[in-house]
Amino acid sequence: MDLFGLKAKTAAKFIKNQGQNPDSEKKNPPSRIKSVGALADIDLFRNYDFTRKLIECFELAPNQVRVALVDPSGKNQNTLDAPEAFGEDSFGLYGKIKNATLEEFVEKEFDLLVNYSGTDWVFSEVILTRSKARLKVGFDADDAGWQDISIKIPGNKMDTFHEELVKYLRIMNLL
């Protein structure tokens, strides 16, 4: 039970403090993309097969792509079609992660973390903030400060997003 939104308020405070105190040990960008993490809303996962698209675009094996699904509503967690959906109960005060699987996802040093989730849910931003990924990419938003690359796509079209992402990563000589 979350008393008066206390978890969300303290998580927002954590994010604000992290923004004011940038991490001094900035990760070097990868030389090549060999592992990809994806953060997505559970509803998107059901409607669009972005994992297949990531595997094709980056020519990776399926075991080189990991997905963390977030469920802002909290209604769809631990169902058969989404065994690893994380909701507010996976977090403690000040954005502390209480779920071991989610903690493992955040601690893994992916070469690339692709953010498909909306930034209107504070706990998605907590995952982005805490992630040890070397390069973070997502859709352009006003509060996308945790992303190294923000791609502005009209209407948030997924296929266009992937095409642009591949184009930018090729320019950066990461593919």
N, C-alpha and C. Protein backbone atom coordinates (compact mmCIF):
# COMPACT_ATOMS: atom_id res chain seq x y z
N MET A 1 0.83 -1.18 0.00
CA MET A 1 0.00 0.00 0.00
C MET A 1 0.88 1.24 0.00
N ASP A 2 0.51 2.19 -0.81
CA ASP A 2 1.28 3.42 -0.93
C ASP A 2 0.46 4.55 -0.34
N LEU A 3 0.89 5.05 0.77
CA LEU A 3 0.17 6.08 1.50
C LEU A 3 0.34 7.43 0.82
N PHE A 4 -0.74 7.93 0.19
CA PHE A 4 -0.78 9.25 -0.44
C PHE A 4 0.30 9.45 -1.51
N GLY A 5 0.65 8.39 -2.22
CA GLY A 5 1.64 8.51 -3.29
C GLY A 5 3.05 8.76 -2.79
N LEU A 6 3.35 8.30 -1.59
CA LEU A 6 4.66 8.56 -0.99
C LEU A 6 5.81 7.97 -1.82
N LYS A 7 5.62 6.75 -2.34
CA LYS A 7 6.69 6.14 -3.15
C LYS A 7 6.99 6.99 -4.37
N ALA A 8 5.95 7.42 -5.07
CA ALA A 8 6.15 8.22 -6.28
C ALA A 8 6.80 9.56 -5.96
N LYS A 9 6.39 10.18 -4.87
CA LYS A 9 6.97 11.47 -4.49
C LYS A 9 8.44 11.34 -4.13
N THR A 10 8.78 10.30 -3.38
CA THR A 10 10.19 10.12 -3.01
C THR A 10 11.03 9.68 -4.21
N ALA A 11 10.43 8.92 -5.13
CA ALA A 11 11.15 8.52 -6.35
C ALA A 11 11.44 9.76 -7.20
N ALA A 12 10.47 10.67 -7.30
CA ALA A 12 10.68 11.90 -8.05
C ALA A 12 11.78 12.74 -7.41
N LYS A 13 11.84 12.73 -6.09
CA LYS A 13 12.89 13.46 -5.38
C LYS A 13 14.26 12.84 -5.68
N PHE A 14 14.32 11.51 -5.71
CA PHE A 14 15.56 10.82 -6.05
C PHE A 14 16.03 11.21 -7.45
N ILE A 15 15.10 11.21 -8.41
CA ILE A 15 15.44 11.56 -9.80
C ILE A 15 15.95 12.99 -9.87
N LYS A 16 15.28 13.90 -9.18
CA LYS A 16 15.70 15.30 -9.18
C LYS A 16 17.11 15.44 -8.59
N ASN A 17 17.39 14.73 -7.50
CA ASN A 17 18.71 14.79 -6.89
C ASN A 17 19.78 14.20 -7.82
N GLN A 18 19.44 13.14 -8.54
CA GLN A 18 20.40 12.55 -9.47
C GLN A 18 20.70 13.52 -10.61
N GLY A 19 19.69 14.27 -11.04
CA GLY A 19 19.89 15.26 -12.12
C GLY A 19 20.78 16.40 -11.69
N GLN A 20 20.70 16.76 -10.40
CA GLN A 20 21.53 17.86 -9.89
C GLN A 20 22.94 17.41 -9.57
N ASN A 21 23.12 16.11 -9.32
CA ASN A 21 24.43 15.56 -9.00
C ASN A 21 24.80 14.52 -10.05
N PRO A 22 25.22 14.94 -11.25
CA PRO A 22 25.52 13.97 -12.30
C PRO A 22 26.65 13.04 -11.88
N ASP A 23 26.54 11.81 -12.32
CA ASP A 23 27.53 10.78 -12.00
C ASP A 23 28.88 11.17 -12.60
N SER A 24 29.90 11.23 -11.75
CA SER A 24 31.21 11.67 -12.21
C SER A 24 31.91 10.62 -13.07
N GLU A 25 31.61 9.34 -12.88
CA GLU A 25 32.25 8.32 -13.69
C GLU A 25 31.35 7.97 -14.87
N LYS A 26 31.40 8.78 -15.89
CA LYS A 26 30.59 8.59 -17.09
C LYS A 26 31.13 7.41 -17.86
N LYS A 27 30.24 6.53 -18.28
CA LYS A 27 30.63 5.33 -19.03
C LYS A 27 31.09 5.71 -20.43
N ASN A 28 32.09 5.02 -20.92
CA ASN A 28 32.51 5.20 -22.30
C ASN A 28 31.50 4.52 -23.20
N PRO A 29 31.21 5.11 -24.34
CA PRO A 29 30.28 4.44 -25.25
C PRO A 29 30.90 3.13 -25.74
N PRO A 30 30.06 2.16 -26.08
CA PRO A 30 30.60 0.88 -26.54
C PRO A 30 31.27 1.03 -27.90
N SER A 31 32.18 0.11 -28.21
CA SER A 31 32.80 0.13 -29.53
C SER A 31 31.89 -0.53 -30.56
N ARG A 32 31.10 -1.49 -30.15
CA ARG A 32 30.11 -2.17 -30.98
C ARG A 32 28.93 -2.56 -30.10
N ILE A 33 27.75 -2.61 -30.69
CA ILE A 33 26.55 -3.02 -29.95
C ILE A 33 26.50 -4.54 -29.95
N LYS A 34 26.67 -5.13 -28.75
CA LYS A 34 26.64 -6.59 -28.61
C LYS A 34 25.55 -7.06 -27.67
N SER A 35 25.03 -6.17 -26.84
CA SER A 35 23.93 -6.52 -25.94
C SER A 35 22.98 -5.33 -25.85
N VAL A 36 21.68 -5.65 -25.86
CA VAL A 36 20.66 -4.61 -25.87
C VAL A 36 19.65 -4.90 -24.77
N GLY A 37 19.31 -3.87 -24.03
CA GLY A 37 18.22 -3.94 -23.06
C GLY A 37 17.09 -3.07 -23.58
N ALA A 38 15.87 -3.46 -23.28
CA ALA A 38 14.71 -2.69 -23.71
C ALA A 38 13.78 -2.50 -22.53
N LEU A 39 13.32 -1.28 -22.36
CA LEU A 39 12.36 -0.94 -21.32
C LEU A 39 11.08 -0.52 -22.03
N ALA A 40 9.98 -1.21 -21.73
CA ALA A 40 8.74 -0.94 -22.47
C ALA A 40 7.52 -1.11 -21.58
N ASP A 41 6.45 -0.41 -21.95
CA ASP A 41 5.16 -0.61 -21.30
C ASP A 41 4.60 -1.96 -21.71
N ILE A 42 3.92 -2.61 -20.82
CA ILE A 42 3.38 -3.94 -21.07
C ILE A 42 2.39 -3.93 -22.23
N ASP A 43 1.62 -2.86 -22.39
CA ASP A 43 0.64 -2.80 -23.48
C ASP A 43 1.33 -2.75 -24.84
N LEU A 44 2.46 -2.06 -24.93
CA LEU A 44 3.21 -2.02 -26.18
C LEU A 44 3.75 -3.40 -26.52
N PHE A 45 4.23 -4.11 -25.53
CA PHE A 45 4.79 -5.45 -25.72
C PHE A 45 3.74 -6.39 -26.32
N ARG A 46 2.51 -6.23 -25.91
CA ARG A 46 1.43 -7.08 -26.43
C ARG A 46 1.05 -6.71 -27.86
N ASN A 47 1.27 -5.45 -28.25
CA ASN A 47 0.80 -4.98 -29.55
C ASN A 47 1.89 -4.91 -30.63
N TYR A 48 3.16 -4.89 -30.25
CA TYR A 48 4.23 -4.70 -31.23
C TYR A 48 5.43 -5.57 -30.85
N ASP A 49 5.96 -6.30 -31.78
CA ASP A 49 7.07 -7.21 -31.52
C ASP A 49 8.40 -6.49 -31.73
N PHE A 50 8.75 -5.61 -30.79
CA PHE A 50 9.99 -4.86 -30.93
C PHE A 50 11.22 -5.71 -30.65
N THR A 51 11.09 -6.82 -29.93
CA THR A 51 12.26 -7.66 -29.67
C THR A 51 12.76 -8.28 -30.98
N ARG A 52 11.85 -8.74 -31.84
CA ARG A 52 12.24 -9.28 -33.14
C ARG A 52 12.93 -8.20 -33.97
N LYS A 53 12.39 -6.98 -33.91
CA LYS A 53 12.96 -5.87 -34.66
C LYS A 53 14.37 -5.53 -34.18
N LEU A 54 14.59 -5.54 -32.87
CA LEU A 54 15.92 -5.28 -32.32
C LEU A 54 16.92 -6.35 -32.75
N ILE A 55 16.49 -7.61 -32.71
CA ILE A 55 17.37 -8.71 -33.10
C ILE A 55 17.74 -8.58 -34.57
N GLU A 56 16.77 -8.23 -35.41
CA GLU A 56 17.04 -8.06 -36.85
C GLU A 56 17.93 -6.85 -37.12
N CYS A 57 17.59 -5.72 -36.52
CA CYS A 57 18.32 -4.47 -36.79
C CYS A 57 19.79 -4.56 -36.38
N PHE A 58 20.05 -5.17 -35.24
CA PHE A 58 21.40 -5.20 -34.70
C PHE A 58 22.12 -6.52 -34.92
N GLU A 59 21.45 -7.44 -35.64
CA GLU A 59 22.02 -8.75 -35.95
C GLU A 59 22.55 -9.44 -34.69
N LEU A 60 21.66 -9.58 -33.71
CA LEU A 60 21.99 -10.17 -32.43
C LEU A 60 21.32 -11.53 -32.27
N ALA A 61 21.84 -12.33 -31.37
CA ALA A 61 21.17 -13.58 -30.99
C ALA A 61 20.07 -13.22 -29.98
N PRO A 62 19.02 -14.03 -29.91
CA PRO A 62 17.93 -13.72 -28.97
C PRO A 62 18.38 -13.59 -27.51
N ASN A 63 19.45 -14.30 -27.12
CA ASN A 63 19.90 -14.20 -25.73
C ASN A 63 20.70 -12.92 -25.46
N GLN A 64 20.93 -12.10 -26.48
CA GLN A 64 21.65 -10.84 -26.30
C GLN A 64 20.70 -9.67 -26.09
N VAL A 65 19.40 -9.94 -26.09
CA VAL A 65 18.39 -8.90 -25.88
C VAL A 65 17.57 -9.26 -24.65
N ARG A 66 17.49 -8.32 -23.70
CA ARG A 66 16.67 -8.51 -22.50
C ARG A 66 15.64 -7.40 -22.43
N VAL A 67 14.47 -7.76 -21.95
CA VAL A 67 13.35 -6.82 -21.89
C VAL A 67 12.86 -6.70 -20.46
N ALA A 68 12.62 -5.48 -20.03
CA ALA A 68 11.94 -5.21 -18.76
C ALA A 68 10.64 -4.50 -19.09
N LEU A 69 9.54 -5.08 -18.66
CA LEU A 69 8.23 -4.50 -18.92
C LEU A 69 7.74 -3.77 -17.69
N VAL A 70 7.22 -2.58 -17.88
CA VAL A 70 6.65 -1.83 -16.77
C VAL A 70 5.14 -1.78 -16.93
N ASP A 71 4.47 -1.84 -15.80
CA ASP A 71 3.02 -1.84 -15.78
C ASP A 71 2.55 -0.74 -14.83
N PRO A 72 2.38 0.48 -15.35
CA PRO A 72 1.96 1.58 -14.48
C PRO A 72 0.62 1.34 -13.80
N SER A 73 -0.27 0.59 -14.43
CA SER A 73 -1.58 0.35 -13.83
C SER A 73 -1.52 -0.66 -12.70
N GLY A 74 -0.54 -1.57 -12.75
CA GLY A 74 -0.42 -2.60 -11.72
C GLY A 74 -1.40 -3.74 -11.88
N LYS A 75 -2.17 -3.74 -12.95
CA LYS A 75 -3.20 -4.76 -13.14
C LYS A 75 -2.70 -6.00 -13.84
N ASN A 76 -1.64 -5.89 -14.62
CA ASN A 76 -1.23 -6.98 -15.49
C ASN A 76 0.00 -7.73 -15.02
N GLN A 77 0.45 -7.51 -13.82
CA GLN A 77 1.68 -8.12 -13.36
C GLN A 77 1.52 -9.62 -13.18
N ASN A 78 2.59 -10.33 -13.52
CA ASN A 78 2.70 -11.76 -13.32
C ASN A 78 1.58 -12.57 -13.96
N THR A 79 1.15 -12.15 -15.12
CA THR A 79 0.22 -12.95 -15.89
C THR A 79 1.01 -13.87 -16.80
N LEU A 80 0.36 -14.84 -17.40
CA LEU A 80 1.07 -15.81 -18.22
C LEU A 80 1.72 -15.18 -19.44
N ASP A 81 1.10 -14.13 -20.02
CA ASP A 81 1.68 -13.52 -21.21
C ASP A 81 2.74 -12.47 -20.88
N ALA A 82 2.91 -12.11 -19.64
CA ALA A 82 3.93 -11.14 -19.25
C ALA A 82 4.46 -11.49 -17.85
N PRO A 83 5.32 -12.51 -17.76
CA PRO A 83 5.77 -12.94 -16.44
C PRO A 83 6.68 -11.95 -15.74
N GLU A 84 7.31 -11.04 -16.47
CA GLU A 84 8.24 -10.10 -15.85
C GLU A 84 7.79 -8.66 -16.02
N ALA A 85 6.59 -8.36 -15.58
CA ALA A 85 6.11 -6.98 -15.61
C ALA A 85 6.30 -6.40 -14.22
N PHE A 86 6.82 -5.18 -14.17
CA PHE A 86 7.15 -4.56 -12.90
C PHE A 86 6.24 -3.36 -12.66
N GLY A 87 5.65 -3.30 -11.51
CA GLY A 87 4.78 -2.20 -11.14
C GLY A 87 5.34 -1.45 -9.95
N GLU A 88 4.51 -0.64 -9.36
CA GLU A 88 4.95 0.19 -8.23
C GLU A 88 5.40 -0.65 -7.04
N ASP A 89 4.86 -1.86 -6.90
CA ASP A 89 5.26 -2.69 -5.77
C ASP A 89 6.69 -3.24 -5.90
N SER A 90 7.32 -3.06 -7.05
CA SER A 90 8.72 -3.47 -7.24
C SER A 90 9.69 -2.42 -6.73
N PHE A 91 9.17 -1.31 -6.23
CA PHE A 91 10.00 -0.20 -5.77
C PHE A 91 9.69 0.15 -4.32
N GLY A 92 10.72 0.66 -3.64
CA GLY A 92 10.54 1.16 -2.29
C GLY A 92 10.64 2.68 -2.31
N LEU A 93 10.86 3.24 -1.15
CA LEU A 93 11.01 4.69 -1.04
C LEU A 93 12.29 5.15 -1.74
N TYR A 94 12.25 6.35 -2.28
CA TYR A 94 13.38 6.98 -2.98
C TYR A 94 13.86 6.15 -4.17
N GLY A 95 12.94 5.43 -4.81
CA GLY A 95 13.27 4.69 -6.02
C GLY A 95 14.11 3.45 -5.79
N LYS A 96 14.20 2.97 -4.57
CA LYS A 96 14.97 1.75 -4.31
C LYS A 96 14.24 0.57 -4.94
N ILE A 97 15.00 -0.25 -5.65
CA ILE A 97 14.42 -1.40 -6.34
C ILE A 97 14.36 -2.58 -5.37
N LYS A 98 13.16 -3.15 -5.23
CA LYS A 98 12.94 -4.27 -4.31
C LYS A 98 12.86 -5.61 -5.02
N ASN A 99 12.76 -5.62 -6.34
CA ASN A 99 12.60 -6.86 -7.11
C ASN A 99 13.97 -7.30 -7.62
N ALA A 100 14.35 -8.56 -7.32
CA ALA A 100 15.68 -9.05 -7.69
C ALA A 100 15.88 -9.11 -9.21
N THR A 101 14.85 -9.49 -9.94
CA THR A 101 14.96 -9.58 -11.40
C THR A 101 15.16 -8.20 -12.01
N LEU A 102 14.42 -7.22 -11.52
CA LEU A 102 14.57 -5.86 -12.00
C LEU A 102 15.93 -5.29 -11.60
N GLU A 103 16.39 -5.60 -10.41
CA GLU A 103 17.71 -5.15 -9.96
C GLU A 103 18.81 -5.72 -10.87
N GLU A 104 18.67 -6.98 -11.26
CA GLU A 104 19.62 -7.61 -12.17
C GLU A 104 19.61 -6.91 -13.54
N PHE A 105 18.42 -6.55 -14.02
CA PHE A 105 18.30 -5.84 -15.29
C PHE A 105 19.01 -4.48 -15.21
N VAL A 106 18.79 -3.76 -14.14
CA VAL A 106 19.37 -2.42 -13.97
C VAL A 106 20.89 -2.49 -13.82
N GLU A 107 21.39 -3.50 -13.16
CA GLU A 107 22.83 -3.63 -12.91
C GLU A 107 23.61 -4.14 -14.12
N LYS A 108 22.93 -4.76 -15.08
CA LYS A 108 23.61 -5.29 -16.26
C LYS A 108 24.11 -4.13 -17.12
N GLU A 109 25.34 -4.21 -17.54
CA GLU A 109 25.94 -3.14 -18.34
C GLU A 109 25.69 -3.41 -19.82
N PHE A 110 24.48 -3.09 -20.28
CA PHE A 110 24.14 -3.24 -21.68
C PHE A 110 24.96 -2.26 -22.52
N ASP A 111 25.24 -2.64 -23.75
CA ASP A 111 25.86 -1.70 -24.67
C ASP A 111 24.85 -0.63 -25.07
N LEU A 112 23.57 -1.03 -25.15
CA LEU A 112 22.51 -0.11 -25.56
C LEU A 112 21.25 -0.42 -24.77
N LEU A 113 20.62 0.61 -24.23
CA LEU A 113 19.32 0.49 -23.57
C LEU A 113 18.34 1.33 -24.37
N VAL A 114 17.29 0.69 -24.89
CA VAL A 114 16.28 1.38 -25.68
C VAL A 114 15.05 1.57 -24.80
N ASN A 115 14.64 2.81 -24.65
CA ASN A 115 13.49 3.14 -23.82
C ASN A 115 12.25 3.33 -24.69
N TYR A 116 11.34 2.37 -24.62
CA TYR A 116 10.07 2.47 -25.33
C TYR A 116 8.96 2.95 -24.41
N SER A 117 9.23 3.04 -23.13
CA SER A 117 8.16 3.38 -22.18
C SER A 117 7.90 4.88 -22.16
N GLY A 118 6.71 5.22 -21.78
CA GLY A 118 6.38 6.63 -21.62
C GLY A 118 7.08 7.19 -20.40
N THR A 119 7.49 8.42 -20.48
CA THR A 119 8.20 9.01 -19.34
C THR A 119 7.25 9.65 -18.34
N ASP A 120 5.94 9.43 -18.52
CA ASP A 120 5.01 10.03 -17.58
C ASP A 120 4.87 9.20 -16.30
N TRP A 121 5.40 8.01 -16.25
CA TRP A 121 5.39 7.20 -15.04
C TRP A 121 6.76 7.29 -14.39
N VAL A 122 6.82 7.79 -13.18
CA VAL A 122 8.07 8.13 -12.52
C VAL A 122 8.99 6.92 -12.37
N PHE A 123 8.44 5.72 -12.21
CA PHE A 123 9.29 4.55 -11.98
C PHE A 123 10.02 4.09 -13.25
N SER A 124 9.51 4.42 -14.42
CA SER A 124 10.26 4.17 -15.66
C SER A 124 11.53 5.01 -15.65
N GLU A 125 11.39 6.23 -15.20
CA GLU A 125 12.54 7.13 -15.14
C GLU A 125 13.54 6.67 -14.07
N VAL A 126 13.04 6.06 -13.00
CA VAL A 126 13.93 5.51 -11.98
C VAL A 126 14.79 4.40 -12.59
N ILE A 127 14.17 3.53 -13.39
CA ILE A 127 14.93 2.45 -14.03
C ILE A 127 15.99 3.03 -14.96
N LEU A 128 15.62 4.04 -15.74
CA LEU A 128 16.59 4.69 -16.63
C LEU A 128 17.73 5.32 -15.85
N THR A 129 17.39 5.98 -14.76
CA THR A 129 18.39 6.65 -13.94
C THR A 129 19.37 5.66 -13.32
N ARG A 130 18.85 4.56 -12.84
CA ARG A 130 19.69 3.57 -12.15
C ARG A 130 20.43 2.64 -13.10
N SER A 131 20.05 2.59 -14.35
CA SER A 131 20.64 1.65 -15.30
C SER A 131 22.13 1.91 -15.50
N LYS A 132 22.86 0.83 -15.64
CA LYS A 132 24.31 0.89 -15.88
C LYS A 132 24.63 0.79 -17.38
N ALA A 133 23.62 0.92 -18.23
CA ALA A 133 23.82 0.82 -19.68
C ALA A 133 24.81 1.88 -20.15
N ARG A 134 25.58 1.55 -21.17
CA ARG A 134 26.60 2.46 -21.66
C ARG A 134 26.04 3.54 -22.58
N LEU A 135 24.93 3.23 -23.26
CA LEU A 135 24.30 4.17 -24.17
C LEU A 135 22.79 4.01 -24.03
N LYS A 136 22.08 5.12 -23.79
CA LYS A 136 20.63 5.07 -23.58
C LYS A 136 19.95 5.86 -24.68
N VAL A 137 18.93 5.23 -25.29
CA VAL A 137 18.23 5.81 -26.44
C VAL A 137 16.74 5.72 -26.20
N GLY A 138 16.01 6.72 -26.70
CA GLY A 138 14.55 6.67 -26.60
C GLY A 138 13.91 7.75 -27.44
N PHE A 139 12.58 7.79 -27.35
CA PHE A 139 11.82 8.82 -28.05
C PHE A 139 12.09 10.17 -27.41
N ASP A 140 12.04 11.21 -28.22
CA ASP A 140 12.26 12.57 -27.72
C ASP A 140 11.09 12.98 -26.83
N ALA A 141 11.41 13.53 -25.68
CA ALA A 141 10.41 14.03 -24.74
C ALA A 141 11.03 15.21 -23.99
N ASP A 142 10.19 15.99 -23.36
CA ASP A 142 10.68 17.15 -22.62
C ASP A 142 11.61 16.76 -21.48
N ASP A 143 11.31 15.63 -20.83
CA ASP A 143 12.11 15.21 -19.68
C ASP A 143 12.97 13.99 -20.00
N ALA A 144 13.55 13.94 -21.18
CA ALA A 144 14.37 12.81 -21.61
C ALA A 144 15.84 13.04 -21.30
N GLY A 145 16.13 13.64 -20.17
CA GLY A 145 17.49 13.98 -19.81
C GLY A 145 18.39 12.79 -19.53
N TRP A 146 17.82 11.63 -19.29
CA TRP A 146 18.63 10.46 -18.98
C TRP A 146 19.04 9.69 -20.22
N GLN A 147 18.59 10.13 -21.37
CA GLN A 147 18.91 9.45 -22.61
C GLN A 147 20.08 10.14 -23.28
N ASP A 148 20.97 9.35 -23.83
CA ASP A 148 22.10 9.90 -24.56
C ASP A 148 21.68 10.33 -25.96
N ILE A 149 20.74 9.59 -26.55
CA ILE A 149 20.20 9.91 -27.86
C ILE A 149 18.69 9.93 -27.76
N SER A 150 18.09 11.05 -28.16
CA SER A 150 16.63 11.17 -28.21
C SER A 150 16.22 11.36 -29.65
N ILE A 151 15.33 10.51 -30.12
CA ILE A 151 14.91 10.55 -31.51
C ILE A 151 13.48 11.06 -31.57
N LYS A 152 13.30 12.15 -32.31
CA LYS A 152 11.98 12.75 -32.44
C LYS A 152 11.31 12.20 -33.69
N ILE A 153 10.23 11.47 -33.47
CA ILE A 153 9.47 10.86 -34.56
C ILE A 153 8.02 11.34 -34.44
N PRO A 154 7.48 11.94 -35.49
CA PRO A 154 6.07 12.36 -35.42
C PRO A 154 5.17 11.14 -35.24
N GLY A 155 4.31 11.20 -34.26
CA GLY A 155 3.38 10.11 -34.01
C GLY A 155 3.99 8.89 -33.35
N ASN A 156 5.26 8.96 -32.97
CA ASN A 156 5.95 7.85 -32.32
C ASN A 156 5.81 6.54 -33.10
N LYS A 157 6.09 6.57 -34.38
CA LYS A 157 6.01 5.38 -35.23
C LYS A 157 7.23 4.50 -34.96
N MET A 158 6.96 3.26 -34.58
CA MET A 158 8.01 2.35 -34.13
C MET A 158 8.99 1.97 -35.25
N ASP A 159 8.48 1.64 -36.43
CA ASP A 159 9.37 1.23 -37.51
C ASP A 159 10.29 2.38 -37.94
N THR A 160 9.75 3.59 -37.98
CA THR A 160 10.56 4.76 -38.31
C THR A 160 11.60 5.00 -37.23
N PHE A 161 11.22 4.81 -35.98
CA PHE A 161 12.16 4.96 -34.86
C PHE A 161 13.34 4.00 -35.03
N HIS A 162 13.06 2.73 -35.35
CA HIS A 162 14.13 1.76 -35.52
C HIS A 162 15.04 2.11 -36.70
N GLU A 163 14.45 2.57 -37.79
CA GLU A 163 15.26 2.97 -38.95
C GLU A 163 16.20 4.11 -38.59
N GLU A 164 15.68 5.11 -37.89
CA GLU A 164 16.50 6.25 -37.48
C GLU A 164 17.57 5.83 -36.49
N LEU A 165 17.23 4.95 -35.56
CA LEU A 165 18.19 4.48 -34.58
C LEU A 165 19.35 3.76 -35.26
N VAL A 166 19.03 2.88 -36.19
CA VAL A 166 20.07 2.16 -36.93
C VAL A 166 20.94 3.15 -37.71
N LYS A 167 20.31 4.15 -38.32
CA LYS A 167 21.05 5.15 -39.08
C LYS A 167 22.03 5.90 -38.17
N TYR A 168 21.57 6.33 -36.99
CA TYR A 168 22.45 7.07 -36.07
C TYR A 168 23.58 6.19 -35.54
N LEU A 169 23.27 4.95 -35.24
CA LEU A 169 24.30 4.06 -34.71
C LEU A 169 25.34 3.71 -35.79
N ARG A 170 24.92 3.65 -37.04
CA ARG A 170 25.88 3.42 -38.14
C ARG A 170 26.78 4.64 -38.31
N ILE A 171 26.19 5.84 -38.19
CA ILE A 171 26.98 7.06 -38.29
C ILE A 171 28.03 7.09 -37.18
N MET A 172 27.63 6.62 -36.00
CA MET A 172 28.55 6.58 -34.85
C MET A 172 29.50 5.39 -34.92
N ASN A 173 29.36 4.58 -35.97
CA ASN A 173 30.21 3.39 -36.19
C ASN A 173 30.07 2.36 -35.06
N LEU A 174 28.84 2.19 -34.58
CA LEU A 174 28.59 1.21 -33.52
C LEU A 174 27.96 -0.07 -34.05
N LEU A 175 27.59 -0.07 -35.32
CA LEU A 175 27.02 -1.28 -35.95
C LEU A 175 27.91 -1.76 -37.07
